[in-house]
Amino acid sequence: MPIALTEIPVSPAPPDPPRKRWTRSECVTLERSGLLDQQRLELVEGELISKMGKKRPHVNALTLVHTWLVQVFGLQFVNAEAPIDVAPEDTSLNCDLTVKAALYGGQACANTGSST
């Protein structure tokens, strides 16, 4: 006697393969070795992300904003598309009150009552 098939058996999806979390020093080593030549990558939370190319509207907007920022803040404070280095030591209040304050004319912030 024939049997009606009501469900198609589906095998479970394989789990995601483990990913390598890259450190900044590992990326520097890769870059120096030449393995990353001709690739536009950025390190975001341990993952190497391919950067997209820019189209004309993006370039036009960037040019307008850059010109305006230079007029407002001056050329010495505006760096179009310069890489930023967000190291753990750069995110503390102490760094803001000392190192970064010096960059803004030596004007230290008022004491917030907390110390870090």
Protein backbone atom coordinates (compact mmCIF):
# COMPACT_ATOMS: atom_id res chain seq x y z
CA MET A 1 0.00 0.00 0.00
CA PRO A 2 1.42 3.46 -0.94
CA ILE A 3 2.26 5.92 1.86
CA ALA A 4 1.67 9.65 1.50
CA LEU A 5 4.68 11.76 2.37
CA THR A 6 3.58 14.86 4.26
CA GLU A 7 6.98 16.26 5.24
CA ILE A 8 10.23 16.32 3.38
CA PRO A 9 13.02 15.21 5.68
CA VAL A 10 15.46 18.07 6.19
CA SER A 11 18.85 17.61 7.72
CA PRO A 12 19.79 20.35 10.21
CA ALA A 13 22.01 23.13 8.95
CA PRO A 14 25.64 22.65 9.87
CA PRO A 15 26.84 24.93 12.68
CA ASP A 16 28.85 27.99 11.71
CA PRO A 17 32.54 27.18 11.47
CA PRO A 18 34.66 28.69 14.21
CA ARG A 19 35.98 32.13 13.37
CA LYS A 20 39.42 33.53 14.03
CA ARG A 21 39.36 36.71 16.12
CA TRP A 22 42.30 38.83 14.95
CA THR A 23 44.31 41.12 17.19
CA ARG A 24 45.84 44.38 16.09
CA SER A 25 49.38 42.97 16.39
CA GLU A 26 48.45 39.96 14.23
CA CYS A 27 47.06 42.30 11.56
CA VAL A 28 50.23 44.38 11.63
CA THR A 29 52.24 41.18 11.10
CA LEU A 30 49.98 40.14 8.18
CA GLU A 31 50.29 43.58 6.64
CA ARG A 32 54.09 43.61 6.93
CA SER A 33 54.29 40.15 5.35
CA GLY A 34 52.48 41.41 2.25
CA LEU A 35 49.55 39.02 2.59
CA LEU A 36 47.10 41.92 2.75
CA ASP A 37 48.52 43.86 -0.21
CA GLN A 38 45.90 45.21 -2.60
CA GLN A 39 43.12 44.58 -0.08
CA ARG A 40 41.07 47.28 1.61
CA LEU A 41 40.35 45.84 5.04
CA GLU A 42 39.58 47.16 8.49
CA LEU A 43 39.70 45.41 11.84
CA VAL A 44 36.38 45.65 13.69
CA GLU A 45 35.98 43.76 16.97
CA GLY A 46 38.44 41.07 15.90
CA GLU A 47 37.05 40.57 12.38
CA LEU A 48 38.68 41.70 9.16
CA ILE A 49 35.99 43.48 7.15
CA SER A 50 36.34 44.29 3.47
CA LYS A 51 35.78 48.00 2.85
CA MET A 52 33.44 48.96 0.03
CA GLY A 53 34.52 51.24 -2.78
CA LYS A 54 33.16 54.75 -3.01
CA LYS A 55 30.75 56.01 -5.65
CA ARG A 56 30.51 59.55 -7.00
CA PRO A 57 27.75 60.78 -4.60
CA HIS A 58 29.85 59.65 -1.63
CA VAL A 59 32.93 61.45 -2.95
CA ASN A 60 30.94 64.62 -3.65
CA ALA A 61 29.44 64.63 -0.14
CA LEU A 62 32.84 63.96 1.44
CA THR A 63 34.38 66.88 -0.46
CA LEU A 64 31.64 69.28 0.67
CA VAL A 65 31.78 68.18 4.31
CA HIS A 66 35.59 68.26 4.34
CA THR A 67 35.63 71.80 2.93
CA TRP A 68 33.12 72.96 5.55
CA LEU A 69 35.00 71.29 8.42
CA VAL A 70 38.28 72.93 7.35
CA GLN A 71 36.56 76.33 7.32
CA VAL A 72 35.13 75.76 10.80
CA PHE A 73 38.02 74.00 12.58
CA GLY A 74 41.08 74.70 10.42
CA LEU A 75 43.22 72.38 8.35
CA GLN A 76 45.31 71.15 11.30
CA PHE A 77 42.26 69.52 12.94
CA VAL A 78 40.63 67.95 9.87
CA ASN A 79 42.01 64.76 8.35
CA ALA A 80 39.77 63.34 5.67
CA GLU A 81 39.47 59.56 5.95
CA ALA A 82 42.55 59.21 8.12
CA PRO A 83 42.62 55.93 10.05
CA ILE A 84 41.79 56.15 13.72
CA ASP A 85 43.50 54.08 16.36
CA VAL A 86 41.13 53.31 19.20
CA ALA A 87 43.41 51.62 21.67
CA PRO A 88 42.05 50.66 25.09
CA GLU A 89 44.27 53.25 26.75
CA ASP A 90 42.66 55.98 24.61
CA THR A 91 39.21 55.51 26.08
CA SER A 92 39.83 56.35 29.72
CA LEU A 93 38.86 59.61 31.39
CA ASN A 94 42.46 60.12 32.49
CA CYS A 95 43.60 60.09 28.87
CA ASP A 96 40.85 62.59 27.98
CA LEU A 97 41.94 64.95 30.77
CA THR A 98 45.66 64.77 29.98
CA VAL A 99 46.67 63.64 26.49
CA LYS A 100 43.60 64.77 24.59
CA ALA A 101 43.25 68.03 26.51
CA ALA A 102 46.72 69.00 25.32
CA LEU A 103 45.59 68.51 21.72
CA TYR A 104 42.82 71.06 22.25
CA GLY A 105 45.02 73.89 23.44
CA GLY A 106 45.81 72.56 26.90
CA GLN A 107 42.32 73.22 28.24
CA ALA A 108 41.75 70.45 30.76
CA CYS A 109 38.19 69.57 31.66
CA ALA A 110 36.83 70.47 35.07
CA ASN A 111 37.29 67.81 37.73
CA THR A 112 34.34 65.43 37.48
CA GLY A 113 34.80 64.10 40.99
CA SER A 114 35.79 60.65 39.75
CA SER A 115 39.23 59.29 39.19
CA THR A 116 40.24 56.62 36.72
